[in-house]
Each structure stands twice: as structure tokens, then as C-alpha cells.
Amino acid sequence: MYFDSEFADDDVVNSFGEVKVVVDPASAELLNGSTLDFTDALQGAGFHITNPNATRTCGCGNSFS
């Protein structure tokens, strides 16, 4: 996940107020039904994705299957 100013023609774009979330088509299908949250805490600060499609995750929280 990163900030980007370039969009591909086939990217999926969802707007939430003034914030746009842009996802490539292949990832959009895998993320369907997911929620994106931001936590500002001493530990675990940052964006967190809760994906109901994930059957397992790794300890780092960066990958799923």
C-alpha cells in the first residue's frame, strides 16, 4: 500500500469523502468485502485491512491466502 499519483485505465477507484482508494483489478476481486482502517497508537499504528476472504494470515500481517 502506498500513495500514488498515477492511475491505470482499468484501476478500480472508490471515493470516501475526499479520499480515493485505487486498486488494480486483480487485487480488487481478492479484496471484495474488506474494510480499511487506520490506527494511531504507539504499537501497530498504520493502515489495517480486515479481509473476510482470507483463510489464513502470516504473523507479520502482510500476506494472506
PDB file of N, CA and C in Angstrom:
ATOM      1  N   MET A   1       0.850  -1.152   0.000  1.00  0.00           N
ATOM      2  CA  MET A   1       0.000   0.000   0.000  1.00  0.00           C
ATOM      3  C   MET A   1       0.904   1.225   0.000  1.00  0.00           C
ATOM      4  N   TYR A   2       0.596   2.150  -0.887  1.00  0.00           N
ATOM      5  CA  TYR A   2       1.405   3.361  -0.964  1.00  0.00           C
ATOM      6  C   TYR A   2       0.601   4.468  -1.630  1.00  0.00           C
ATOM      7  N   PHE A   3       1.078   5.679  -1.512  1.00  0.00           N
ATOM      8  CA  PHE A   3       0.450   6.819  -2.156  1.00  0.00           C
ATOM      9  C   PHE A   3       0.979   6.899  -3.584  1.00  0.00           C
ATOM     10  N   ASP A   4       0.084   7.111  -4.531  1.00  0.00           N
ATOM     11  CA  ASP A   4       0.477   7.144  -5.939  1.00  0.00           C
ATOM     12  C   ASP A   4      -0.342   8.207  -6.651  1.00  0.00           C
ATOM     13  N   SER A   5       0.265   8.872  -7.594  1.00  0.00           N
ATOM     14  CA  SER A   5      -0.453   9.901  -8.346  1.00  0.00           C
ATOM     15  C   SER A   5      -0.823   9.430  -9.749  1.00  0.00           C
ATOM     16  N   GLU A   6      -0.411   8.210 -10.109  1.00  0.00           N
ATOM     17  CA  GLU A   6      -0.726   7.680 -11.432  1.00  0.00           C
ATOM     18  C   GLU A   6      -1.776   6.585 -11.330  1.00  0.00           C
ATOM     19  N   PHE A   7      -2.720   6.601 -12.251  1.00  0.00           N
ATOM     20  CA  PHE A   7      -3.794   5.620 -12.284  1.00  0.00           C
ATOM     21  C   PHE A   7      -3.786   4.918 -13.635  1.00  0.00           C
ATOM     22  N   ALA A   8      -4.015   3.608 -13.646  1.00  0.00           N
ATOM     23  CA  ALA A   8      -4.168   2.866 -14.897  1.00  0.00           C
ATOM     24  C   ALA A   8      -5.635   2.956 -15.321  1.00  0.00           C
ATOM     25  N   ASP A   9      -5.884   2.810 -16.606  1.00  0.00           N
ATOM     26  CA  ASP A   9      -7.242   2.919 -17.127  1.00  0.00           C
ATOM     27  C   ASP A   9      -8.192   1.880 -16.532  1.00  0.00           C
ATOM     28  N   ASP A  10      -7.667   0.711 -16.158  1.00  0.00           N
ATOM     29  CA  ASP A  10      -8.530  -0.348 -15.643  1.00  0.00           C
ATOM     30  C   ASP A  10      -8.537  -0.440 -14.111  1.00  0.00           C
ATOM     31  N   ASP A  11      -7.921   0.519 -13.417  1.00  0.00           N
ATOM     32  CA  ASP A  11      -7.933   0.520 -11.953  1.00  0.00           C
ATOM     33  C   ASP A  11      -9.354   0.708 -11.425  1.00  0.00           C
ATOM     34  N   VAL A  12      -9.627   0.101 -10.276  1.00  0.00           N
ATOM     35  CA  VAL A  12     -10.916   0.269  -9.595  1.00  0.00           C
ATOM     36  C   VAL A  12     -10.733   1.393  -8.590  1.00  0.00           C
ATOM     37  N   VAL A  13     -11.584   2.430  -8.695  1.00  0.00           N
ATOM     38  CA  VAL A  13     -11.465   3.606  -7.833  1.00  0.00           C
ATOM     39  C   VAL A  13     -12.732   3.751  -6.993  1.00  0.00           C
ATOM     40  N   ASN A  14     -12.572   3.845  -5.678  1.00  0.00           N
ATOM     41  CA  ASN A  14     -13.678   4.122  -4.765  1.00  0.00           C
ATOM     42  C   ASN A  14     -13.329   5.374  -3.986  1.00  0.00           C
ATOM     43  N   SER A  15     -14.284   6.291  -3.871  1.00  0.00           N
ATOM     44  CA  SER A  15     -14.075   7.529  -3.130  1.00  0.00           C
ATOM     45  C   SER A  15     -14.822   7.486  -1.817  1.00  0.00           C
ATOM     46  N   PHE A  16     -14.153   7.933  -0.764  1.00  0.00           N
ATOM     47  CA  PHE A  16     -14.724   8.037   0.565  1.00  0.00           C
ATOM     48  C   PHE A  16     -14.482   9.464   1.025  1.00  0.00           C
ATOM     49  N   GLY A  17     -15.440  10.323   0.771  1.00  0.00           N
ATOM     50  CA  GLY A  17     -15.240  11.749   1.009  1.00  0.00           C
ATOM     51  C   GLY A  17     -14.191  12.243   0.025  1.00  0.00           C
ATOM     52  N   GLU A  18     -13.141  12.842   0.533  1.00  0.00           N
ATOM     53  CA  GLU A  18     -12.073  13.351  -0.323  1.00  0.00           C
ATOM     54  C   GLU A  18     -10.968  12.321  -0.565  1.00  0.00           C
ATOM     55  N   VAL A  19     -11.087  11.148   0.029  1.00  0.00           N
ATOM     56  CA  VAL A  19     -10.059  10.114  -0.092  1.00  0.00           C
ATOM     57  C   VAL A  19     -10.451   9.126  -1.186  1.00  0.00           C
ATOM     58  N   LYS A  20      -9.517   8.879  -2.115  1.00  0.00           N
ATOM     59  CA  LYS A  20      -9.724   7.887  -3.158  1.00  0.00           C
ATOM     60  C   LYS A  20      -8.872   6.663  -2.865  1.00  0.00           C
ATOM     61  N   VAL A  21      -9.485   5.493  -2.942  1.00  0.00           N
ATOM     62  CA  VAL A  21      -8.769   4.238  -2.800  1.00  0.00           C
ATOM     63  C   VAL A  21      -8.739   3.599  -4.182  1.00  0.00           C
ATOM     64  N   VAL A  22      -7.531   3.351  -4.677  1.00  0.00           N
ATOM     65  CA  VAL A  22      -7.343   2.833  -6.029  1.00  0.00           C
ATOM     66  C   VAL A  22      -6.695   1.459  -5.940  1.00  0.00           C
ATOM     67  N   VAL A  23      -7.296   0.480  -6.634  1.00  0.00           N
ATOM     68  CA  VAL A  23      -6.815  -0.898  -6.576  1.00  0.00           C
ATOM     69  C   VAL A  23      -6.789  -1.455  -7.991  1.00  0.00           C
ATOM     70  N   ASP A  24      -5.762  -2.240  -8.297  1.00  0.00           N
ATOM     71  CA  ASP A  24      -5.726  -2.889  -9.605  1.00  0.00           C
ATOM     72  C   ASP A  24      -6.841  -3.938  -9.667  1.00  0.00           C
ATOM     73  N   PRO A  25      -7.343  -4.275 -10.858  1.00  0.00           N
ATOM     74  CA  PRO A  25      -8.497  -5.172 -10.990  1.00  0.00           C
ATOM     75  C   PRO A  25      -8.303  -6.554 -10.359  1.00  0.00           C
ATOM     76  N   ALA A  26      -7.120  -7.146 -10.476  1.00  0.00           N
ATOM     77  CA  ALA A  26      -6.884  -8.478  -9.910  1.00  0.00           C
ATOM     78  C   ALA A  26      -6.961  -8.446  -8.383  1.00  0.00           C
ATOM     79  N   SER A  27      -6.391  -7.427  -7.764  1.00  0.00           N
ATOM     80  CA  SER A  27      -6.429  -7.299  -6.306  1.00  0.00           C
ATOM     81  C   SER A  27      -7.821  -6.923  -5.818  1.00  0.00           C
ATOM     82  N   ALA A  28      -8.549  -6.131  -6.601  1.00  0.00           N
ATOM     83  CA  ALA A  28      -9.888  -5.699  -6.196  1.00  0.00           C
ATOM     84  C   ALA A  28     -10.790  -6.899  -5.956  1.00  0.00           C
ATOM     85  N   GLU A  29     -10.690  -7.915  -6.785  1.00  0.00           N
ATOM     86  CA  GLU A  29     -11.508  -9.108  -6.616  1.00  0.00           C
ATOM     87  C   GLU A  29     -11.175  -9.821  -5.305  1.00  0.00           C
ATOM     88  N   LEU A  30      -9.900  -9.875  -4.951  1.00  0.00           N
ATOM     89  CA  LEU A  30      -9.477 -10.525  -3.707  1.00  0.00           C
ATOM     90  C   LEU A  30      -9.853  -9.717  -2.471  1.00  0.00           C
ATOM     91  N   LEU A  31      -9.994  -8.406  -2.633  1.00  0.00           N
ATOM     92  CA  LEU A  31     -10.286  -7.522  -1.504  1.00  0.00           C
ATOM     93  C   LEU A  31     -11.774  -7.228  -1.342  1.00  0.00           C
ATOM     94  N   ASN A  32     -12.616  -7.811  -2.174  1.00  0.00           N
ATOM     95  CA  ASN A  32     -14.052  -7.567  -2.120  1.00  0.00           C
ATOM     96  C   ASN A  32     -14.591  -7.883  -0.723  1.00  0.00           C
ATOM     97  N   GLY A  33     -15.285  -6.928  -0.110  1.00  0.00           N
ATOM     98  CA  GLY A  33     -15.843  -7.110   1.228  1.00  0.00           C
ATOM     99  C   GLY A  33     -14.906  -6.717   2.351  1.00  0.00           C
ATOM    100  N   SER A  34     -13.687  -6.302   2.025  1.00  0.00           N
ATOM    101  CA  SER A  34     -12.707  -5.931   3.048  1.00  0.00           C
ATOM    102  C   SER A  34     -12.993  -4.540   3.601  1.00  0.00           C
ATOM    103  N   THR A  35     -12.456  -4.296   4.790  1.00  0.00           N
ATOM    104  CA  THR A  35     -12.540  -2.964   5.371  1.00  0.00           C
ATOM    105  C   THR A  35     -11.129  -2.430   5.592  1.00  0.00           C
ATOM    106  N   LEU A  36     -10.970  -1.130   5.453  1.00  0.00           N
ATOM    107  CA  LEU A  36      -9.693  -0.451   5.645  1.00  0.00           C
ATOM    108  C   LEU A  36      -9.842   0.483   6.834  1.00  0.00           C
ATOM    109  N   ASP A  37      -8.922   0.380   7.785  1.00  0.00           N
ATOM    110  CA  ASP A  37      -8.974   1.198   8.984  1.00  0.00           C
ATOM    111  C   ASP A  37      -7.591   1.768   9.247  1.00  0.00           C
ATOM    112  N   PHE A  38      -7.549   2.901   9.919  1.00  0.00           N
ATOM    113  CA  PHE A  38      -6.276   3.489  10.326  1.00  0.00           C
ATOM    114  C   PHE A  38      -6.249   3.573  11.835  1.00  0.00           C
ATOM    115  N   THR A  39      -5.172   3.084  12.435  1.00  0.00           N
ATOM    116  CA  THR A  39      -4.990   3.125  13.877  1.00  0.00           C
ATOM    117  C   THR A  39      -3.797   4.007  14.201  1.00  0.00           C
ATOM    118  N   ASP A  40      -3.996   4.935  15.117  1.00  0.00           N
ATOM    119  CA  ASP A  40      -2.922   5.820  15.550  1.00  0.00           C
ATOM    120  C   ASP A  40      -2.613   5.480  17.001  1.00  0.00           C
ATOM    121  N   ALA A  41      -1.728   4.522  17.187  1.00  0.00           N
ATOM    122  CA  ALA A  41      -1.373   4.067  18.532  1.00  0.00           C
ATOM    123  C   ALA A  41       0.138   3.900  18.614  1.00  0.00           C
ATOM    124  N   LEU A  42       0.640   3.708  19.819  1.00  0.00           N
ATOM    125  CA  LEU A  42       2.077   3.530  19.985  1.00  0.00           C
ATOM    126  C   LEU A  42       2.556   2.253  19.306  1.00  0.00           C
ATOM    127  N   GLN A  43       1.771   1.191  19.383  1.00  0.00           N
ATOM    128  CA  GLN A  43       2.114  -0.064  18.719  1.00  0.00           C
ATOM    129  C   GLN A  43       1.045  -0.375  17.679  1.00  0.00           C
ATOM    130  N   GLY A  44       1.452  -0.760  16.504  1.00  0.00           N
ATOM    131  CA  GLY A  44       0.505  -1.126  15.456  1.00  0.00           C
ATOM    132  C   GLY A  44      -0.119   0.044  14.735  1.00  0.00           C
ATOM    133  N   ALA A  45       0.524   1.204  14.757  1.00  0.00           N
ATOM    134  CA  ALA A  45      -0.022   2.362  14.066  1.00  0.00           C
ATOM    135  C   ALA A  45       0.066   2.146  12.560  1.00  0.00           C
ATOM    136  N   GLY A  46      -0.951   2.578  11.857  1.00  0.00           N
ATOM    137  CA  GLY A  46      -0.963   2.497  10.402  1.00  0.00           C
ATOM    138  C   GLY A  46      -2.274   1.963   9.874  1.00  0.00           C
ATOM    139  N   PHE A  47      -2.298   1.681   8.584  1.00  0.00           N
ATOM    140  CA  PHE A  47      -3.487   1.153   7.939  1.00  0.00           C
ATOM    141  C   PHE A  47      -3.590  -0.348   8.192  1.00  0.00           C
ATOM    142  N   HIS A  48      -4.804  -0.822   8.402  1.00  0.00           N
ATOM    143  CA  HIS A  48      -5.066  -2.235   8.629  1.00  0.00           C
ATOM    144  C   HIS A  48      -6.230  -2.670   7.756  1.00  0.00           C
ATOM    145  N   ILE A  49      -6.052  -3.758   7.033  1.00  0.00           N
ATOM    146  CA  ILE A  49      -7.101  -4.310   6.195  1.00  0.00           C
ATOM    147  C   ILE A  49      -7.664  -5.550   6.872  1.00  0.00           C
ATOM    148  N   THR A  50      -8.976  -5.587   7.029  1.00  0.00           N
ATOM    149  CA  THR A  50      -9.661  -6.776   7.521  1.00  0.00           C
ATOM    150  C   THR A  50     -10.344  -7.404   6.316  1.00  0.00           C
ATOM    151  N   ASN A  51      -9.883  -8.596   5.950  1.00  0.00           N
ATOM    152  CA  ASN A  51     -10.364  -9.256   4.737  1.00  0.00           C
ATOM    153  C   ASN A  51     -11.115 -10.534   5.100  1.00  0.00           C
ATOM    154  N   PRO A  52     -12.438 -10.554   4.904  1.00  0.00           N
ATOM    155  CA  PRO A  52     -13.209 -11.754   5.229  1.00  0.00           C
ATOM    156  C   PRO A  52     -12.911 -12.925   4.284  1.00  0.00           C
ATOM    157  N   ASN A  53     -12.226 -12.667   3.185  1.00  0.00           N
ATOM    158  CA  ASN A  53     -11.882 -13.710   2.220  1.00  0.00           C
ATOM    159  C   ASN A  53     -10.609 -14.461   2.589  1.00  0.00           C
ATOM    160  N   ALA A  54      -9.827 -13.922   3.533  1.00  0.00           N
ATOM    161  CA  ALA A  54      -8.555 -14.550   3.912  1.00  0.00           C
ATOM    162  C   ALA A  54      -8.830 -15.784   4.772  1.00  0.00           C
ATOM    163  N   THR A  55      -8.236 -16.899   4.393  1.00  0.00           N
ATOM    164  CA  THR A  55      -8.398 -18.120   5.178  1.00  0.00           C
ATOM    165  C   THR A  55      -7.299 -18.268   6.210  1.00  0.00           C
ATOM    166  N   ARG A  56      -6.146 -17.621   5.995  1.00  0.00           N
ATOM    167  CA  ARG A  56      -5.079 -17.587   6.997  1.00  0.00           C
ATOM    168  C   ARG A  56      -4.178 -16.396   6.704  1.00  0.00           C
ATOM    169  N   THR A  57      -3.451 -15.955   7.728  1.00  0.00           N
ATOM    170  CA  THR A  57      -2.538 -14.826   7.581  1.00  0.00           C
ATOM    171  C   THR A  57      -1.204 -15.206   8.202  1.00  0.00           C
ATOM    172  N   CYS A  58      -0.171 -14.470   7.841  1.00  0.00           N
ATOM    173  CA  CYS A  58       1.128 -14.694   8.468  1.00  0.00           C
ATOM    174  C   CYS A  58       1.239 -13.805   9.702  1.00  0.00           C
ATOM    175  N   GLY A  59       2.235 -14.033  10.513  1.00  0.00           N
ATOM    176  CA  GLY A  59       2.417 -13.254  11.733  1.00  0.00           C
ATOM    177  C   GLY A  59       2.674 -11.782  11.474  1.00  0.00           C
ATOM    178  N   CYS A  60       3.231 -11.459  10.308  1.00  0.00           N
ATOM    179  CA  CYS A  60       3.551 -10.075  10.003  1.00  0.00           C
ATOM    180  C   CYS A  60       2.321  -9.309   9.532  1.00  0.00           C
ATOM    181  N   GLY A  61       1.267 -10.029   9.122  1.00  0.00           N
ATOM    182  CA  GLY A  61       0.047  -9.389   8.659  1.00  0.00           C
ATOM    183  C   GLY A  61       0.139  -8.808   7.271  1.00  0.00           C
ATOM    184  N   ASN A  62       1.205  -9.143   6.531  1.00  0.00           N
ATOM    185  CA  ASN A  62       1.396  -8.575   5.198  1.00  0.00           C
ATOM    186  C   ASN A  62       0.955  -9.493   4.071  1.00  0.00           C
ATOM    187  N   SER A  63       0.593 -10.734   4.345  1.00  0.00           N
ATOM    188  CA  SER A  63       0.178 -11.624   3.278  1.00  0.00           C
ATOM    189  C   SER A  63      -0.983 -12.487   3.749  1.00  0.00           C
ATOM    190  N   PHE A  64      -1.711 -13.026   2.801  1.00  0.00           N
ATOM    191  CA  PHE A  64      -2.812 -13.914   3.137  1.00  0.00           C
ATOM    192  C   PHE A  64      -3.038 -14.864   1.985  1.00  0.00           C
ATOM    193  N   SER A  65      -3.810 -15.905   2.246  1.00  0.00           N
ATOM    194  CA  SER A  65      -4.141 -16.841   1.174  1.00  0.00           C
ATOM    195  C   SER A  65      -5.637 -17.084   1.157  1.00  0.00           C
TER     196      SER A  65
END
